[in-house]
N, C-alpha and C. Protein backbone atom coordinates (compact mmCIF):
# COMPACT_ATOMS: atom_id res chain seq x y z
N MET A 1 127.62 173.91 65.90
CA MET A 1 126.96 172.70 66.37
C MET A 1 127.93 171.51 66.26
N SER A 2 128.09 170.79 67.34
CA SER A 2 128.99 169.64 67.37
C SER A 2 128.43 168.51 66.52
N HIS A 3 129.34 167.73 65.92
CA HIS A 3 128.94 166.58 65.09
C HIS A 3 128.12 165.57 65.91
N HIS A 4 128.45 165.44 67.20
CA HIS A 4 127.80 164.45 68.06
C HIS A 4 126.70 165.05 68.94
N GLU A 5 126.30 166.28 68.67
CA GLU A 5 125.39 166.99 69.58
C GLU A 5 124.09 166.22 69.82
N HIS A 6 123.53 165.59 68.79
CA HIS A 6 122.26 164.89 68.93
C HIS A 6 122.42 163.38 68.88
N ASP A 7 123.63 162.90 69.07
CA ASP A 7 123.91 161.46 69.00
C ASP A 7 124.00 160.92 70.42
N GLU A 8 123.02 160.11 70.83
CA GLU A 8 123.00 159.60 72.21
C GLU A 8 124.14 158.62 72.49
N HIS A 9 124.84 158.13 71.46
CA HIS A 9 125.94 157.21 71.67
C HIS A 9 127.23 157.91 72.09
N HIS A 10 127.22 159.24 72.09
CA HIS A 10 128.41 160.00 72.47
C HIS A 10 128.07 161.05 73.53
N TYR A 11 129.08 161.39 74.32
CA TYR A 11 128.95 162.51 75.24
C TYR A 11 129.10 163.81 74.45
N GLU A 12 128.83 164.94 75.12
CA GLU A 12 128.91 166.23 74.43
C GLU A 12 130.32 166.53 73.93
N ASP A 13 131.33 165.96 74.60
CA ASP A 13 132.71 166.22 74.15
C ASP A 13 133.13 165.31 73.01
N GLY A 14 132.22 164.44 72.53
CA GLY A 14 132.52 163.58 71.40
C GLY A 14 132.99 162.19 71.77
N THR A 15 133.31 161.97 73.06
CA THR A 15 133.74 160.62 73.46
C THR A 15 132.53 159.68 73.53
N ILE A 16 132.82 158.39 73.39
CA ILE A 16 131.74 157.39 73.35
C ILE A 16 131.12 157.21 74.73
N ASN A 17 129.80 157.18 74.76
CA ASN A 17 129.06 156.91 76.00
C ASN A 17 128.86 155.39 76.11
N PRO A 18 129.56 154.71 77.03
CA PRO A 18 129.47 153.24 77.10
C PRO A 18 128.07 152.74 77.45
N ARG A 19 127.27 153.58 78.11
CA ARG A 19 125.92 153.15 78.47
C ARG A 19 124.94 153.23 77.30
N ARG A 20 125.33 153.92 76.24
CA ARG A 20 124.46 153.99 75.06
C ARG A 20 125.04 153.26 73.86
N SER A 21 126.24 152.72 74.01
CA SER A 21 126.88 152.05 72.89
C SER A 21 126.95 150.54 73.07
N GLY A 22 126.21 150.03 74.06
CA GLY A 22 126.14 148.58 74.24
C GLY A 22 127.21 147.99 75.12
N LYS A 23 128.06 148.82 75.75
CA LYS A 23 129.13 148.30 76.61
C LYS A 23 128.70 148.20 78.07
N LEU A 24 127.79 149.06 78.50
CA LEU A 24 127.26 149.03 79.86
C LEU A 24 125.75 149.20 79.79
N HIS A 25 125.05 148.68 80.80
CA HIS A 25 123.59 148.84 80.81
C HIS A 25 123.23 150.30 81.11
N TYR A 26 122.04 150.70 80.68
CA TYR A 26 121.57 152.05 81.00
C TYR A 26 120.11 151.98 81.42
N HIS A 27 119.69 153.00 82.11
CA HIS A 27 118.32 153.10 82.59
C HIS A 27 117.59 154.18 81.81
N GLU A 28 116.28 154.00 81.66
CA GLU A 28 115.48 155.02 81.00
C GLU A 28 115.46 156.29 81.86
N ASP A 29 115.24 157.44 81.23
CA ASP A 29 115.25 158.71 81.95
C ASP A 29 113.99 158.92 82.79
N GLU A 30 112.88 158.35 82.35
CA GLU A 30 111.62 158.53 83.08
C GLU A 30 111.53 157.53 84.23
N VAL A 31 111.23 158.04 85.40
CA VAL A 31 111.12 157.17 86.59
C VAL A 31 109.68 156.71 86.75
N ARG A 32 109.49 155.38 86.83
CA ARG A 32 108.16 154.80 87.02
C ARG A 32 108.23 153.88 88.23
N PRO A 33 108.04 154.42 89.44
CA PRO A 33 108.19 153.59 90.64
C PRO A 33 107.13 152.49 90.71
N LEU A 34 107.54 151.34 91.24
CA LEU A 34 106.65 150.20 91.43
C LEU A 34 106.67 149.82 92.90
N ALA A 35 105.52 149.38 93.41
CA ALA A 35 105.45 148.95 94.81
C ALA A 35 106.21 147.63 94.97
N ALA A 36 107.04 147.53 95.98
CA ALA A 36 107.78 146.30 96.28
C ALA A 36 107.83 146.17 97.79
N ASP A 37 107.18 145.13 98.33
CA ASP A 37 107.08 145.02 99.78
C ASP A 37 108.11 144.10 100.42
N LYS A 38 108.85 143.34 99.63
CA LYS A 38 109.86 142.45 100.21
C LYS A 38 111.20 142.70 99.54
N LEU A 39 112.13 143.26 100.30
CA LEU A 39 113.40 143.67 99.71
C LEU A 39 114.56 142.74 100.04
N ILE A 40 114.33 141.73 100.87
CA ILE A 40 115.41 140.81 101.21
C ILE A 40 114.85 139.42 101.47
N HIS A 41 115.57 138.42 101.02
CA HIS A 41 115.27 137.02 101.35
C HIS A 41 116.52 136.49 102.02
N ARG A 42 116.44 136.34 103.33
CA ARG A 42 117.62 135.98 104.11
C ARG A 42 117.94 134.48 104.03
N GLN A 43 119.19 134.18 103.71
CA GLN A 43 119.75 132.83 103.76
C GLN A 43 118.91 131.77 103.04
N PRO A 44 118.52 132.00 101.79
CA PRO A 44 117.68 131.01 101.10
C PRO A 44 118.36 129.65 100.92
N HIS A 45 119.69 129.62 100.91
CA HIS A 45 120.40 128.34 100.74
C HIS A 45 120.21 127.40 101.93
N LEU A 46 119.66 127.94 103.04
CA LEU A 46 119.39 127.09 104.21
C LEU A 46 117.99 126.49 104.17
N ASP A 47 117.24 126.76 103.11
CA ASP A 47 115.85 126.29 102.99
C ASP A 47 115.62 125.67 101.61
N LEU A 48 116.47 124.71 101.26
CA LEU A 48 116.36 124.06 99.95
C LEU A 48 115.37 122.89 100.02
N HIS A 49 114.76 122.58 98.87
CA HIS A 49 113.74 121.53 98.82
C HIS A 49 114.12 120.51 97.76
N ALA A 50 114.01 119.23 98.09
CA ALA A 50 114.34 118.15 97.15
C ALA A 50 113.36 118.17 95.99
N ASP A 51 113.90 118.02 94.78
CA ASP A 51 113.07 118.02 93.57
C ASP A 51 113.40 116.76 92.77
N LYS A 52 112.46 115.82 92.73
CA LYS A 52 112.70 114.56 92.02
C LYS A 52 112.89 114.77 90.53
N LEU A 53 112.22 115.78 89.96
CA LEU A 53 112.33 116.03 88.52
C LEU A 53 113.75 116.45 88.14
N THR A 54 114.32 117.40 88.87
CA THR A 54 115.64 117.91 88.51
C THR A 54 116.79 117.18 89.20
N ARG A 55 116.46 116.32 90.20
CA ARG A 55 117.45 115.52 90.93
C ARG A 55 118.40 116.38 91.77
N LYS A 56 117.90 117.47 92.31
CA LYS A 56 118.74 118.32 93.15
C LYS A 56 117.85 119.00 94.18
N ALA A 57 118.48 119.61 95.17
CA ALA A 57 117.74 120.43 96.14
C ALA A 57 117.84 121.87 95.68
N ALA A 58 116.71 122.59 95.72
CA ALA A 58 116.70 123.95 95.18
C ALA A 58 115.57 124.75 95.78
N ARG A 59 115.58 126.03 95.51
CA ARG A 59 114.45 126.89 95.83
C ARG A 59 114.57 128.20 95.06
N ASP A 60 113.41 128.80 94.77
CA ASP A 60 113.39 130.11 94.14
C ASP A 60 113.70 131.17 95.19
N ILE A 61 114.31 132.25 94.77
CA ILE A 61 114.58 133.37 95.66
C ILE A 61 113.31 134.22 95.71
N ASP A 62 112.83 134.48 96.91
CA ASP A 62 111.54 135.14 97.11
C ASP A 62 111.69 136.64 97.27
N ILE A 63 111.94 137.31 96.15
CA ILE A 63 111.91 138.77 96.11
C ILE A 63 111.09 139.16 94.88
N PRO A 64 110.43 140.33 94.89
CA PRO A 64 109.43 140.65 93.86
C PRO A 64 109.99 141.15 92.53
N LEU A 65 110.92 140.39 91.95
CA LEU A 65 111.40 140.72 90.61
C LEU A 65 110.29 140.47 89.61
N ARG A 66 110.15 141.34 88.63
CA ARG A 66 109.05 141.22 87.66
C ARG A 66 109.46 140.46 86.39
N THR A 67 110.71 140.51 86.02
CA THR A 67 111.12 139.88 84.76
C THR A 67 112.21 138.83 84.93
N ILE A 68 112.91 138.86 86.05
CA ILE A 68 114.03 137.94 86.29
C ILE A 68 113.64 136.93 87.35
N GLN A 69 114.04 135.67 87.14
CA GLN A 69 113.82 134.61 88.12
C GLN A 69 115.18 134.20 88.67
N LEU A 70 115.30 134.14 89.99
CA LEU A 70 116.52 133.66 90.63
C LEU A 70 116.21 132.37 91.38
N HIS A 71 117.11 131.41 91.30
CA HIS A 71 116.96 130.21 92.12
C HIS A 71 118.34 129.74 92.55
N ILE A 72 118.38 129.09 93.69
CA ILE A 72 119.63 128.56 94.20
C ILE A 72 119.48 127.05 94.30
N SER A 73 120.52 126.33 93.87
CA SER A 73 120.46 124.88 93.79
C SER A 73 121.72 124.26 94.39
N GLU A 74 121.56 123.04 94.90
CA GLU A 74 122.68 122.29 95.44
C GLU A 74 122.74 120.91 94.79
N LEU A 75 123.92 120.54 94.31
CA LEU A 75 124.15 119.20 93.78
C LEU A 75 125.12 118.47 94.70
N PRO A 76 124.71 117.35 95.27
CA PRO A 76 125.63 116.57 96.12
C PRO A 76 126.78 115.99 95.29
N PRO A 77 127.85 115.55 95.93
CA PRO A 77 128.97 114.94 95.21
C PRO A 77 128.51 113.78 94.33
N GLY A 78 128.99 113.75 93.09
CA GLY A 78 128.67 112.68 92.17
C GLY A 78 127.29 112.78 91.53
N MET A 79 126.51 113.79 91.87
CA MET A 79 125.14 113.91 91.35
C MET A 79 125.12 114.68 90.03
N GLN A 80 124.18 114.28 89.17
CA GLN A 80 123.97 114.95 87.88
C GLN A 80 122.50 115.36 87.78
N SER A 81 122.24 116.59 87.35
CA SER A 81 120.87 117.03 87.15
C SER A 81 120.32 116.37 85.88
N ASN A 82 119.02 116.35 85.74
CA ASN A 82 118.43 115.73 84.55
C ASN A 82 118.74 116.53 83.29
N LEU A 83 118.71 115.87 82.16
CA LEU A 83 118.94 116.50 80.87
C LEU A 83 117.64 117.17 80.44
N HIS A 84 117.69 118.47 80.13
CA HIS A 84 116.47 119.21 79.80
C HIS A 84 116.82 120.45 78.97
N LYS A 85 115.79 121.12 78.48
CA LYS A 85 115.96 122.40 77.79
C LYS A 85 114.72 123.24 78.08
N HIS A 86 114.85 124.55 77.92
CA HIS A 86 113.73 125.44 78.19
C HIS A 86 113.89 126.72 77.37
N HIS A 87 112.77 127.42 77.20
CA HIS A 87 112.80 128.66 76.43
C HIS A 87 113.62 129.74 77.12
N ASN A 88 113.54 129.82 78.45
CA ASN A 88 114.28 130.88 79.11
C ASN A 88 115.79 130.66 78.97
N GLU A 89 116.52 131.75 78.74
CA GLU A 89 117.96 131.66 78.78
C GLU A 89 118.39 131.78 80.24
N ALA A 90 119.58 131.29 80.55
CA ALA A 90 120.00 131.27 81.95
C ALA A 90 121.49 131.58 82.07
N ALA A 91 121.83 132.28 83.15
CA ALA A 91 123.22 132.44 83.57
C ALA A 91 123.34 131.70 84.90
N ILE A 92 124.35 130.88 85.02
CA ILE A 92 124.58 130.09 86.23
C ILE A 92 125.86 130.59 86.89
N TYR A 93 125.76 131.00 88.16
CA TYR A 93 126.95 131.44 88.90
C TYR A 93 127.30 130.36 89.91
N ILE A 94 128.53 129.87 89.86
CA ILE A 94 128.98 128.81 90.76
C ILE A 94 129.43 129.45 92.07
N VAL A 95 128.64 129.23 93.12
CA VAL A 95 128.93 129.80 94.44
C VAL A 95 129.98 128.97 95.16
N GLU A 96 129.84 127.64 95.11
CA GLU A 96 130.77 126.72 95.76
C GLU A 96 130.91 125.47 94.91
N GLY A 97 132.11 124.88 94.92
CA GLY A 97 132.33 123.59 94.29
C GLY A 97 132.87 123.67 92.87
N ARG A 98 132.98 122.48 92.26
CA ARG A 98 133.46 122.38 90.88
C ARG A 98 132.79 121.18 90.22
N GLY A 99 132.76 121.23 88.90
CA GLY A 99 132.15 120.16 88.13
C GLY A 99 132.13 120.55 86.68
N HIS A 100 131.10 120.12 85.97
CA HIS A 100 130.96 120.51 84.57
C HIS A 100 129.51 120.46 84.15
N SER A 101 129.22 121.11 83.06
CA SER A 101 127.91 121.03 82.43
C SER A 101 128.10 120.52 81.02
N GLU A 102 127.06 119.89 80.50
CA GLU A 102 127.05 119.50 79.09
C GLU A 102 125.94 120.28 78.43
N VAL A 103 126.30 121.09 77.44
CA VAL A 103 125.34 121.93 76.73
C VAL A 103 125.38 121.51 75.26
N GLN A 104 124.27 120.93 74.80
CA GLN A 104 124.20 120.38 73.43
C GLN A 104 125.35 119.41 73.18
N GLY A 105 125.67 118.60 74.18
CA GLY A 105 126.70 117.59 74.03
C GLY A 105 128.11 118.07 74.25
N VAL A 106 128.30 119.36 74.49
CA VAL A 106 129.64 119.91 74.71
C VAL A 106 129.91 120.02 76.21
N LYS A 107 131.01 119.43 76.66
CA LYS A 107 131.38 119.44 78.08
C LYS A 107 132.07 120.76 78.43
N ILE A 108 131.56 121.45 79.45
CA ILE A 108 132.12 122.73 79.88
C ILE A 108 132.47 122.66 81.36
N PRO A 109 133.77 122.52 81.71
CA PRO A 109 134.17 122.48 83.11
C PRO A 109 133.97 123.84 83.78
N TRP A 110 133.64 123.84 85.08
CA TRP A 110 133.49 125.07 85.84
C TRP A 110 133.91 124.86 87.28
N GLU A 111 134.15 125.97 87.97
CA GLU A 111 134.52 125.94 89.39
C GLU A 111 134.01 127.20 90.06
N LYS A 112 134.18 127.25 91.36
CA LYS A 112 133.73 128.40 92.16
C LYS A 112 134.14 129.72 91.52
N GLY A 113 133.17 130.63 91.39
CA GLY A 113 133.44 131.96 90.84
C GLY A 113 133.15 132.08 89.35
N ASP A 114 132.87 130.95 88.67
CA ASP A 114 132.60 130.99 87.23
C ASP A 114 131.14 131.31 86.95
N PHE A 115 130.89 131.93 85.79
CA PHE A 115 129.54 132.11 85.24
C PHE A 115 129.42 131.20 84.02
N LEU A 116 128.28 130.55 83.88
CA LEU A 116 128.00 129.69 82.74
C LEU A 116 126.73 130.19 82.07
N PHE A 117 126.70 130.22 80.74
CA PHE A 117 125.51 130.65 80.01
C PHE A 117 124.82 129.46 79.38
N ILE A 118 123.50 129.38 79.55
CA ILE A 118 122.69 128.35 78.91
C ILE A 118 121.76 129.05 77.91
N PRO A 119 122.01 128.89 76.61
CA PRO A 119 121.13 129.53 75.61
C PRO A 119 119.74 128.92 75.60
N SER A 120 118.82 129.60 75.01
CA SER A 120 117.43 129.15 74.91
C SER A 120 117.32 127.81 74.18
N MET A 121 116.55 126.89 74.74
CA MET A 121 116.19 125.60 74.13
C MET A 121 117.39 124.77 73.69
N GLN A 122 118.45 124.76 74.50
CA GLN A 122 119.57 123.87 74.25
C GLN A 122 119.63 122.84 75.37
N TRP A 123 119.79 121.57 74.99
CA TRP A 123 119.84 120.49 75.97
C TRP A 123 121.03 120.68 76.89
N HIS A 124 120.79 120.54 78.20
CA HIS A 124 121.89 120.71 79.15
C HIS A 124 121.65 119.94 80.43
N THR A 125 122.75 119.64 81.10
CA THR A 125 122.74 118.99 82.41
C THR A 125 123.96 119.49 83.18
N HIS A 126 123.86 119.48 84.50
CA HIS A 126 124.96 119.93 85.36
C HIS A 126 125.45 118.74 86.18
N VAL A 127 126.77 118.60 86.33
CA VAL A 127 127.37 117.44 86.99
C VAL A 127 128.33 117.89 88.07
N ASN A 128 128.15 117.36 89.28
CA ASN A 128 129.11 117.59 90.36
C ASN A 128 130.10 116.43 90.32
N SER A 129 131.29 116.69 89.82
CA SER A 129 132.31 115.65 89.71
C SER A 129 133.33 115.71 90.84
N SER A 130 133.00 116.44 91.91
CA SER A 130 133.93 116.60 93.03
C SER A 130 133.43 115.84 94.26
N ASP A 131 134.20 115.93 95.33
CA ASP A 131 133.83 115.28 96.60
C ASP A 131 133.09 116.21 97.54
N GLU A 132 132.84 117.44 97.10
CA GLU A 132 132.16 118.43 97.92
C GLU A 132 130.86 118.86 97.24
N PRO A 133 129.88 119.35 98.01
CA PRO A 133 128.64 119.82 97.39
C PRO A 133 128.89 121.01 96.47
N VAL A 134 128.08 121.12 95.44
CA VAL A 134 128.10 122.27 94.54
C VAL A 134 126.88 123.12 94.85
N LEU A 135 127.08 124.41 95.01
CA LEU A 135 125.99 125.36 95.22
C LEU A 135 126.06 126.38 94.09
N TYR A 136 124.93 126.57 93.39
CA TYR A 136 124.96 127.55 92.30
C TYR A 136 123.68 128.37 92.26
N LEU A 137 123.82 129.58 91.72
CA LEU A 137 122.71 130.52 91.59
C LEU A 137 122.32 130.57 90.11
N GLY A 138 121.03 130.32 89.84
CA GLY A 138 120.52 130.42 88.48
C GLY A 138 119.82 131.76 88.28
N ILE A 139 120.13 132.45 87.21
CA ILE A 139 119.55 133.75 86.88
C ILE A 139 118.90 133.61 85.51
N THR A 140 117.58 133.71 85.44
CA THR A 140 116.89 133.48 84.16
C THR A 140 115.89 134.60 83.87
N ASN A 141 115.39 134.60 82.64
CA ASN A 141 114.33 135.54 82.27
C ASN A 141 112.97 134.83 82.26
N LYS A 142 112.83 133.82 83.08
CA LYS A 142 111.62 133.00 83.13
C LYS A 142 110.37 133.80 83.51
N ARG A 143 110.47 134.71 84.46
CA ARG A 143 109.28 135.47 84.87
C ARG A 143 108.73 136.30 83.73
N MET A 144 109.62 136.92 82.97
CA MET A 144 109.15 137.71 81.84
C MET A 144 108.47 136.81 80.80
N LEU A 145 109.08 135.66 80.50
CA LEU A 145 108.49 134.75 79.53
C LEU A 145 107.18 134.16 80.03
N ASP A 146 107.08 133.93 81.33
CA ASP A 146 105.82 133.45 81.90
C ASP A 146 104.71 134.48 81.66
N TRP A 147 105.01 135.75 81.85
CA TRP A 147 104.03 136.81 81.62
C TRP A 147 103.55 136.79 80.17
N LEU A 148 104.47 136.48 79.26
CA LEU A 148 104.14 136.49 77.84
C LEU A 148 103.55 135.16 77.36
N GLY A 149 103.50 134.17 78.27
CA GLY A 149 102.99 132.86 77.91
C GLY A 149 103.93 132.08 77.01
N LEU A 150 105.24 132.35 77.11
CA LEU A 150 106.21 131.76 76.20
C LEU A 150 107.08 130.67 76.81
N ASP A 151 107.17 130.61 78.12
CA ASP A 151 108.16 129.70 78.70
C ASP A 151 107.70 128.26 78.64
N ARG A 152 108.52 127.39 78.11
CA ARG A 152 108.26 125.96 78.06
C ARG A 152 109.52 125.23 78.47
N ARG A 153 109.34 124.03 79.04
CA ARG A 153 110.46 123.20 79.46
C ARG A 153 110.23 121.80 78.90
N VAL A 154 111.31 121.18 78.43
CA VAL A 154 111.24 119.82 77.89
C VAL A 154 112.27 118.98 78.62
N ASP A 155 111.83 117.87 79.22
CA ASP A 155 112.74 116.97 79.95
C ASP A 155 112.98 115.70 79.15
N ALA A 156 114.26 115.34 79.02
CA ALA A 156 114.63 114.13 78.28
C ALA A 156 114.08 112.91 79.01
N GLY A 157 113.48 112.00 78.25
CA GLY A 157 112.95 110.78 78.82
C GLY A 157 111.57 110.93 79.43
N ILE A 158 111.09 112.18 79.52
CA ILE A 158 109.75 112.43 80.06
C ILE A 158 108.86 113.04 78.98
N ASN A 159 109.28 114.22 78.47
CA ASN A 159 108.52 114.89 77.42
C ASN A 159 108.99 114.49 76.02
N MET A 160 110.18 113.92 75.95
CA MET A 160 110.72 113.48 74.66
C MET A 160 111.55 112.23 74.90
N PRO A 161 111.35 111.18 74.08
CA PRO A 161 112.14 109.95 74.25
C PRO A 161 113.64 110.22 74.11
N MET A 162 114.46 109.51 74.89
CA MET A 162 115.90 109.72 74.88
C MET A 162 116.49 109.55 73.48
N GLU A 163 115.94 108.61 72.70
CA GLU A 163 116.44 108.37 71.35
C GLU A 163 116.31 109.63 70.49
N GLU A 164 115.18 110.33 70.61
CA GLU A 164 114.98 111.57 69.85
C GLU A 164 115.88 112.68 70.36
N VAL A 165 116.06 112.74 71.69
CA VAL A 165 116.95 113.74 72.28
C VAL A 165 118.36 113.57 71.74
N GLU A 166 118.85 112.32 71.75
CA GLU A 166 120.21 112.04 71.28
C GLU A 166 120.37 112.39 69.81
N LYS A 167 119.34 112.12 69.00
CA LYS A 167 119.39 112.48 67.58
C LYS A 167 119.44 114.00 67.41
N GLU A 168 118.67 114.71 68.21
CA GLU A 168 118.65 116.17 68.11
C GLU A 168 120.00 116.77 68.47
N ILE A 169 120.61 116.24 69.53
CA ILE A 169 121.93 116.74 69.94
C ILE A 169 122.97 116.42 68.88
N ALA A 170 122.94 115.19 68.35
CA ALA A 170 123.92 114.77 67.34
C ALA A 170 123.79 115.58 66.06
N ALA A 171 122.56 115.96 65.70
CA ALA A 171 122.33 116.72 64.46
C ALA A 171 122.78 118.17 64.60
N ALA A 172 122.96 118.63 65.84
CA ALA A 172 123.37 120.02 66.11
C ALA A 172 122.41 121.02 65.48
N LYS A 173 121.13 120.66 65.41
CA LYS A 173 120.10 121.57 64.92
C LYS A 173 119.06 121.74 66.01
N PHE A 174 118.58 122.96 66.16
CA PHE A 174 117.63 123.25 67.21
C PHE A 174 116.22 123.35 66.65
N SER A 175 115.26 123.12 67.50
CA SER A 175 113.86 123.30 67.12
C SER A 175 113.62 124.74 66.69
N PRO A 176 112.70 124.97 65.73
CA PRO A 176 112.36 126.36 65.37
C PRO A 176 111.88 127.15 66.59
N TYR A 177 111.38 126.46 67.60
CA TYR A 177 110.92 127.15 68.81
C TYR A 177 112.09 127.63 69.67
N SER A 178 113.31 127.31 69.26
CA SER A 178 114.49 127.82 69.97
C SER A 178 114.70 129.30 69.70
N TYR A 179 114.12 129.81 68.61
CA TYR A 179 114.37 131.18 68.20
C TYR A 179 113.06 131.94 68.14
N TYR A 180 112.96 132.99 68.92
CA TYR A 180 111.73 133.77 68.91
C TYR A 180 112.04 135.25 69.09
N SER A 181 111.12 136.06 68.61
CA SER A 181 111.24 137.51 68.70
C SER A 181 109.92 138.06 69.21
N VAL A 182 109.98 139.05 70.08
CA VAL A 182 108.78 139.69 70.60
C VAL A 182 108.91 141.18 70.33
N ASN A 183 107.95 141.74 69.60
CA ASN A 183 107.94 143.19 69.40
C ASN A 183 106.50 143.68 69.27
N PRO A 184 106.26 144.97 69.53
CA PRO A 184 104.88 145.49 69.55
C PRO A 184 104.16 145.38 68.21
N THR A 185 104.89 145.40 67.12
CA THR A 185 104.26 145.36 65.80
C THR A 185 103.82 143.95 65.40
N ASP A 186 104.75 142.99 65.53
CA ASP A 186 104.48 141.62 65.06
C ASP A 186 104.08 140.66 66.17
N GLY A 187 104.17 141.08 67.42
CA GLY A 187 103.89 140.16 68.52
C GLY A 187 105.01 139.14 68.65
N VAL A 188 104.64 137.89 68.85
CA VAL A 188 105.64 136.82 69.02
C VAL A 188 105.81 136.09 67.70
N ARG A 189 107.06 135.94 67.27
CA ARG A 189 107.35 135.19 66.05
C ARG A 189 108.37 134.10 66.37
N PHE A 190 108.19 132.92 65.80
CA PHE A 190 109.14 131.83 65.92
C PHE A 190 109.72 131.55 64.54
N GLY A 191 110.95 131.07 64.49
CA GLY A 191 111.52 130.75 63.19
C GLY A 191 112.85 130.04 63.32
N PRO A 192 113.48 129.70 62.22
CA PRO A 192 114.77 128.99 62.26
C PRO A 192 115.90 129.91 62.66
N GLU A 193 117.06 129.34 62.91
CA GLU A 193 118.25 130.12 63.27
C GLU A 193 118.50 131.18 62.20
N GLY A 194 118.78 132.41 62.63
CA GLY A 194 119.10 133.48 61.71
C GLY A 194 117.92 134.35 61.31
N PHE A 195 116.69 133.95 61.69
CA PHE A 195 115.55 134.76 61.25
C PHE A 195 115.43 136.04 62.07
N ILE A 196 116.06 136.11 63.24
CA ILE A 196 116.00 137.30 64.07
C ILE A 196 117.10 138.26 63.64
N SER A 197 116.73 139.50 63.35
CA SER A 197 117.72 140.50 62.97
C SER A 197 118.02 141.38 64.18
N HIS A 198 119.04 142.22 64.07
CA HIS A 198 119.40 143.11 65.18
C HIS A 198 118.29 144.11 65.47
N SER A 199 117.44 144.38 64.48
CA SER A 199 116.35 145.33 64.69
C SER A 199 115.25 144.74 65.56
N ASP A 200 115.26 143.40 65.75
CA ASP A 200 114.26 142.78 66.61
C ASP A 200 114.59 143.05 68.07
């Protein structure tokens, strides 16, 4: 009997299986098909809508994803999105243009082809510092959190006074609601930084 015979992290020959060792994603073995009637949303960037709250033109991508939310946004030259934070984490892919984001007061320059990560409940804003429009794709777990009743958004100057926002950023401490765990045994738990273990 091989040492790795019953170890899902290795192939039968003993080499590491990257899909079971955290290096690549893997799919469950059981197939559970779901009905999906819309498989393409053609040219969504041609149908953007002005949003006074976020100060940009944007729209959600209309495909039947169950846990992931996609949206495409455009920032005109010199424009800055509002300062805000939300429970959903986000990956931002820069399709066109260049500029920077400020995440918890830290300036992060970006350009076409870059991915930017926005952690849960961290204050952030996006800035187009170029002479050309910026187009970016937002990829979030908002739909999953909506299902769980967990997603919240806080806008600076609207839901929280700017003075408090600035103090929170300067203190470099996050709300306990920045950290949460969901599991079948305990349900949803919130707590300070570090309360989530790898077993969660």
